[in-house]
C-alpha atoms as a PDB file:
ATOM      1  CA  MET A   1     127.999  30.055 103.457  1.00  0.00           C
ATOM      2  CA  ASP A   2     130.360  30.278 106.542  1.00  0.00           C
ATOM      3  CA  GLN A   3     129.414  34.020 106.995  1.00  0.00           C
ATOM      4  CA  GLN A   4     125.878  33.012 107.181  1.00  0.00           C
ATOM      5  CA  ARG A   5     126.021  30.395 109.459  1.00  0.00           C
ATOM      6  CA  GLU A   6     127.966  32.760 111.850  1.00  0.00           C
ATOM      7  CA  ILE A   7     125.403  35.430 111.262  1.00  0.00           C
ATOM      8  CA  LEU A   8     122.696  33.026 112.028  1.00  0.00           C
ATOM      9  CA  ASP A   9     124.826  31.552 115.388  1.00  0.00           C
ATOM     10  CA  GLY A  10     124.966  35.533 116.401  1.00  0.00           C
ATOM     11  CA  CYS A  11     121.370  36.077 115.722  1.00  0.00           C
ATOM     12  CA  ARG A  12     120.662  32.910 118.191  1.00  0.00           C
ATOM     13  CA  ARG A  13     122.924  34.604 120.570  1.00  0.00           C
ATOM     14  CA  ASN A  14     120.821  37.749 120.306  1.00  0.00           C
ATOM     15  CA  ASP A  15     124.053  39.468 118.803  1.00  0.00           C
ATOM     16  CA  ARG A  16     122.679  42.944 117.762  1.00  0.00           C
ATOM     17  CA  LYS A  17     125.374  43.600 114.928  1.00  0.00           C
ATOM     18  CA  SER A  18     124.655  39.807 113.752  1.00  0.00           C
ATOM     19  CA  GLN A  19     120.959  40.799 113.475  1.00  0.00           C
ATOM     20  CA  GLU A  20     121.664  43.741 111.615  1.00  0.00           C
ATOM     21  CA  GLU A  21     123.908  42.083 109.138  1.00  0.00           C
ATOM     22  CA  LEU A  22     120.760  39.815 108.370  1.00  0.00           C
ATOM     23  CA  TYR A  23     118.368  42.313 108.415  1.00  0.00           C
ATOM     24  CA  TYR A  24     120.125  44.292 105.856  1.00  0.00           C
ATOM     25  CA  ALA A  25     121.211  40.979 103.752  1.00  0.00           C
ATOM     26  CA  PHE A  26     117.650  40.355 103.017  1.00  0.00           C
ATOM     27  CA  TYR A  27     115.978  43.677 103.212  1.00  0.00           C
ATOM     28  CA  PRO A  28     115.429  44.520  99.450  1.00  0.00           C
ATOM     29  CA  ALA A  29     113.840  41.123  99.174  1.00  0.00           C
ATOM     30  CA  MET A  30     111.397  41.518 102.126  1.00  0.00           C
ATOM     31  CA  PHE A  31     110.674  44.962 101.842  1.00  0.00           C
ATOM     32  CA  SER A  32     109.614  44.311  98.085  1.00  0.00           C
ATOM     33  CA  LEU A  33     107.504  41.175  99.616  1.00  0.00           C
ATOM     34  CA  CYS A  34     105.592  43.195 102.181  1.00  0.00           C
ATOM     35  CA  LYS A  35     105.147  45.841  99.143  1.00  0.00           C
ATOM     36  CA  LYS A  36     102.718  43.742  97.377  1.00  0.00           C
ATOM     37  CA  PHE A  37     100.423  43.746 100.634  1.00  0.00           C
ATOM     38  CA  PHE A  38     100.352  47.487 101.495  1.00  0.00           C
ATOM     39  CA  ALA A  39     100.732  50.617  99.607  1.00  0.00           C
ATOM     40  CA  ASP A  40     101.814  53.137 102.530  1.00  0.00           C
ATOM     41  CA  GLU A  41     105.289  52.977 103.329  1.00  0.00           C
ATOM     42  CA  HIS A  42     105.008  52.980 107.510  1.00  0.00           C
ATOM     43  CA  GLU A  43     102.793  49.873 106.882  1.00  0.00           C
ATOM     44  CA  ILE A  44     105.449  48.358 104.756  1.00  0.00           C
ATOM     45  CA  LEU A  45     107.858  48.827 107.263  1.00  0.00           C
ATOM     46  CA  THR A  46     105.812  47.835 110.142  1.00  0.00           C
ATOM     47  CA  ALA A  47     105.206  44.698 108.352  1.00  0.00           C
ATOM     48  CA  LEU A  48     108.958  44.255 107.278  1.00  0.00           C
ATOM     49  CA  ASN A  49     110.078  44.617 111.245  1.00  0.00           C
ATOM     50  CA  ASN A  50     107.399  42.403 113.120  1.00  0.00           C
ATOM     51  CA  GLY A  51     108.330  40.032 110.442  1.00  0.00           C
ATOM     52  CA  MET A  52     112.115  40.424 111.585  1.00  0.00           C
ATOM     53  CA  MET A  53     111.221  40.650 115.158  1.00  0.00           C
ATOM     54  CA  ARG A  54     109.973  37.037 114.706  1.00  0.00           C
ATOM     55  CA  VAL A  55     112.433  35.835 112.633  1.00  0.00           C
ATOM     56  CA  PHE A  56     114.895  36.772 115.350  1.00  0.00           C
ATOM     57  CA  LYS A  57     112.839  35.219 117.807  1.00  0.00           C
ATOM     58  CA  ASN A  58     112.517  32.086 116.330  1.00  0.00           C
ATOM     59  CA  ILE A  59     115.826  31.636 114.468  1.00  0.00           C
ATOM     60  CA  ASP A  60     115.988  28.240 116.352  1.00  0.00           C
ATOM     61  CA  GLN A  61     113.214  27.129 114.414  1.00  0.00           C
ATOM     62  CA  TYR A  62     115.342  27.378 111.166  1.00  0.00           C
ATOM     63  CA  ASP A  63     116.616  23.712 110.349  1.00  0.00           C
ATOM     64  CA  PRO A  64     118.726  24.363 106.790  1.00  0.00           C
ATOM     65  CA  ARG A  65     118.213  20.678 106.158  1.00  0.00           C
ATOM     66  CA  ARG A  66     114.700  21.675 105.259  1.00  0.00           C
ATOM     67  CA  GLY A  67     115.208  24.409 103.129  1.00  0.00           C
ATOM     68  CA  GLU A  68     117.109  27.731 102.332  1.00  0.00           C
ATOM     69  CA  LEU A  69     117.342  30.830 105.069  1.00  0.00           C
ATOM     70  CA  PHE A  70     115.542  32.565 102.204  1.00  0.00           C
ATOM     71  CA  ASN A  71     112.446  30.913 101.937  1.00  0.00           C
ATOM     72  CA  TRP A  72     112.165  30.577 105.808  1.00  0.00           C
ATOM     73  CA  MET A  73     112.203  34.079 106.279  1.00  0.00           C
ATOM     74  CA  TYR A  74     109.825  34.720 103.229  1.00  0.00           C
ATOM     75  CA  THR A  75     107.383  32.384 105.204  1.00  0.00           C
ATOM     76  CA  VAL A  76     107.824  34.286 108.455  1.00  0.00           C
ATOM     77  CA  ILE A  77     107.412  37.726 106.659  1.00  0.00           C
ATOM     78  CA  ARG A  78     104.719  36.876 104.743  1.00  0.00           C
ATOM     79  CA  ASN A  79     102.887  35.025 107.815  1.00  0.00           C
ATOM     80  CA  ALA A  80     103.503  38.680 109.772  1.00  0.00           C
ATOM     81  CA  CYS A  81     101.928  40.946 106.452  1.00  0.00           C
ATOM     82  CA  LEU A  82      99.080  38.486 106.980  1.00  0.00           C
ATOM     83  CA  THR A  83      98.953  39.008 110.510  1.00  0.00           C
ATOM     84  CA  MET A  84      98.764  42.469 110.142  1.00  0.00           C
ATOM     85  CA  ILE A  85      95.847  42.189 107.103  1.00  0.00           C
ATOM     86  CA  ARG A  86      93.654  39.932 109.538  1.00  0.00           C
ATOM     87  CA  ASP A  87      94.177  42.547 112.490  1.00  0.00           C
ATOM     88  CA  LYS A  88      92.648  45.282 110.704  1.00  0.00           C
ATOM     89  CA  LYS A  89      89.004  45.209 109.846  1.00  0.00           C
ATOM     90  CA  PRO A  90      88.356  44.776 106.428  1.00  0.00           C
ATOM     91  CA  GLU A  91      86.567  48.103 105.202  1.00  0.00           C
ATOM     92  CA  THR A  92      84.287  46.290 102.763  1.00  0.00           C
ATOM     93  CA  THR A  93      82.331  42.886 103.709  1.00  0.00           C
ATOM     94  CA  GLN A  94      80.200  42.547 100.393  1.00  0.00           C
ATOM     95  CA  GLU A  95      80.245  39.092  99.077  1.00  0.00           C
ATOM     96  CA  LEU A  96      80.138  37.355  95.977  1.00  0.00           C
ATOM     97  CA  LYS A  97      78.534  33.990  95.187  1.00  0.00           C
ATOM     98  CA  GLU A  98      79.419  33.516  91.439  1.00  0.00           C
ATOM     99  CA  ASN A  99      81.572  31.220  89.828  1.00  0.00           C
ATOM    100  CA  MET A 100      85.141  32.043  89.907  1.00  0.00           C
ATOM    101  CA  SER A 101      86.729  30.467  86.842  1.00  0.00           C
ATOM    102  CA  ASP A 102      87.048  33.470  84.739  1.00  0.00           C
ATOM    103  CA  ILE A 103      88.808  35.020  87.568  1.00  0.00           C
ATOM    104  CA  SER A 104      91.260  32.138  88.434  1.00  0.00           C
ATOM    105  CA  GLN A 105      92.241  31.852  84.805  1.00  0.00           C
ATOM    106  CA  TYR A 106      92.235  36.021  84.259  1.00  0.00           C
ATOM    107  CA  ASP A 107      96.087  37.093  85.872  1.00  0.00           C
ATOM    108  CA  PRO A 108      96.277  40.610  85.426  1.00  0.00           C
ATOM    109  CA  PHE A 109     100.181  40.422  86.104  1.00  0.00           C
ATOM    110  CA  ARG A 110     100.941  38.010  83.545  1.00  0.00           C
ATOM    111  CA  SER A 111     102.957  40.388  81.143  1.00  0.00           C
ATOM    112  CA  SER A 112     103.864  43.186  83.816  1.00  0.00           C
ATOM    113  CA  GLU A 113     107.193  44.324  85.187  1.00  0.00           C
ATOM    114  CA  TRP A 114     107.695  44.320  89.094  1.00  0.00           C
ATOM    115  CA  ASP A 115     107.568  48.037  89.024  1.00  0.00           C
ATOM    116  CA  ASP A 116     104.345  48.515  86.923  1.00  0.00           C
ATOM    117  CA  ILE A 117     102.916  45.415  89.845  1.00  0.00           C
ATOM    118  CA  PHE A 118     103.433  47.665  92.316  1.00  0.00           C
ATOM    119  CA  HIS A 119     102.208  50.903  90.387  1.00  0.00           C
ATOM    120  CA  TYR A 120      98.865  48.835  90.124  1.00  0.00           C
ATOM    121  CA  LEU A 121      98.550  47.190  93.250  1.00  0.00           C
ATOM    122  CA  ASP A 122      99.005  50.917  95.032  1.00  0.00           C
ATOM    123  CA  GLN A 123      95.695  52.108  93.099  1.00  0.00           C
ATOM    124  CA  LEU A 124      93.655  48.893  95.116  1.00  0.00           C
ATOM    125  CA  PRO A 125      92.356  49.410  98.384  1.00  0.00           C
ATOM    126  CA  PRO A 126      93.921  47.674 101.050  1.00  0.00           C
ATOM    127  CA  ALA A 127      92.193  44.663 101.600  1.00  0.00           C
ATOM    128  CA  THR A 128      91.642  44.221  98.129  1.00  0.00           C
ATOM    129  CA  ARG A 129      95.303  44.637  97.475  1.00  0.00           C
ATOM    130  CA  ALA A 130      95.788  41.837  99.988  1.00  0.00           C
ATOM    131  CA  VAL A 131      93.912  39.441  98.126  1.00  0.00           C
ATOM    132  CA  CYS A 132      94.892  40.245  95.188  1.00  0.00           C
ATOM    133  CA  SER A 133      98.531  39.740  95.958  1.00  0.00           C
ATOM    134  CA  LEU A 134      97.671  36.475  97.815  1.00  0.00           C
ATOM    135  CA  PHE A 135      95.890  34.795  94.905  1.00  0.00           C
ATOM    136  CA  TYR A 136      97.673  36.364  91.879  1.00  0.00           C
ATOM    137  CA  LEU A 137     101.330  36.590  93.302  1.00  0.00           C
ATOM    138  CA  GLU A 138     101.341  34.036  95.802  1.00  0.00           C
ATOM    139  CA  GLY A 139      99.263  31.408  94.028  1.00  0.00           C
ATOM    140  CA  PHE A 140      97.385  31.100  97.355  1.00  0.00           C
ATOM    141  CA  SER A 141      93.973  29.690  96.259  1.00  0.00           C
ATOM    142  CA  ILE A 142      90.470  31.112  97.610  1.00  0.00           C
ATOM    143  CA  LYS A 143      90.276  28.477 100.660  1.00  0.00           C
ATOM    144  CA  GLU A 144      94.147  29.196 101.467  1.00  0.00           C
ATOM    145  CA  ILE A 145      93.011  33.075 101.654  1.00  0.00           C
ATOM    146  CA  THR A 146      90.307  32.613 103.545  1.00  0.00           C
ATOM    147  CA  LYS A 147      92.183  30.179 106.107  1.00  0.00           C
ATOM    148  CA  GLU A 148      94.858  32.992 106.413  1.00  0.00           C
ATOM    149  CA  THR A 149      93.032  36.203 106.146  1.00  0.00           C
ATOM    150  CA  GLY A 150      89.811  35.459 108.314  1.00  0.00           C
ATOM    151  CA  MET A 151      87.559  36.239 105.487  1.00  0.00           C
ATOM    152  CA  LYS A 152      84.756  34.484 104.134  1.00  0.00           C
ATOM    153  CA  ASP A 153      84.973  32.785 100.907  1.00  0.00           C
ATOM    154  CA  GLY A 154      82.527  35.253  99.400  1.00  0.00           C
ATOM    155  CA  THR A 155      84.405  38.086 100.727  1.00  0.00           C
ATOM    156  CA  VAL A 156      87.576  36.741  98.939  1.00  0.00           C
ATOM    157  CA  LYS A 157      85.788  36.214  95.886  1.00  0.00           C
ATOM    158  CA  TRP A 158      84.386  39.815  96.181  1.00  0.00           C
ATOM    159  CA  HIS A 159      88.019  41.308  96.565  1.00  0.00           C
ATOM    160  CA  LEU A 160      89.257  39.474  93.616  1.00  0.00           C
ATOM    161  CA  ASN A 161      86.475  40.439  91.323  1.00  0.00           C
ATOM    162  CA  GLU A 162      86.990  43.869  92.690  1.00  0.00           C
ATOM    163  CA  SER A 163      90.819  43.826  91.680  1.00  0.00           C
ATOM    164  CA  ARG A 164      90.119  42.262  88.302  1.00  0.00           C
ATOM    165  CA  ASN A 165      87.670  44.965  87.496  1.00  0.00           C
ATOM    166  CA  ARG A 166      89.568  48.313  88.823  1.00  0.00           C
ATOM    167  CA  LEU A 167      92.615  46.741  87.254  1.00  0.00           C
ATOM    168  CA  LYS A 168      90.947  46.291  83.751  1.00  0.00           C
ATOM    169  CA  THR A 169      90.117  50.074  84.333  1.00  0.00           C
ATOM    170  CA  ILE A 170      93.738  50.942  85.315  1.00  0.00           C
ATOM    171  CA  PHE A 171      95.243  48.787  82.398  1.00  0.00           C
ATOM    172  CA  VAL A 172      92.668  50.820  79.994  1.00  0.00           C
ATOM    173  CA  LYS A 173      93.657  54.217  81.100  1.00  0.00           C
ATOM    174  CA  SER A 174      97.606  53.378  81.018  1.00  0.00           C
ATOM    175  CA  LYS A 175      97.344  52.354  77.736  1.00  0.00           C
ATOM    176  CA  GLU A 176      95.494  55.691  76.198  1.00  0.00           C
ATOM    177  CA  LEU A 177      98.351  57.634  77.489  1.00  0.00           C
END
């Protein structure tokens, strides 16, 4: 715990070595987080680096009495991913205005391993991937996704329906192999 405090103190002083230590200490977990939202390695690293820059810039806002450093960093980096998604214009603006009870009850990743989940997510278009990750993997509600991404409710529902339909096809194909 003292080592973490020393690293954080160094980050507050803009010490590059401390920032590098913090970056690499959390790199695997934060890379996996960004991989939930982006398939392209360049986008994954851009989101991760943008998020870490926010961590370094706002390190004074971290309060250990309010929670673990990991959780705070996770939230900051997830928000950096959401900012990248929001800044991109979604390629699809179709809307779905039907009852979502079947989508909220269906979890395509319920019995999947992380390697499989990333493989399945890689096959979804970027905006659909992001909405799917937020809903099924991060536990966001449709309203929360709408707020975070700037999409309309119907567009979020369409992406969830699209991800469910595409993933069903992918699961069927993978079982045939």
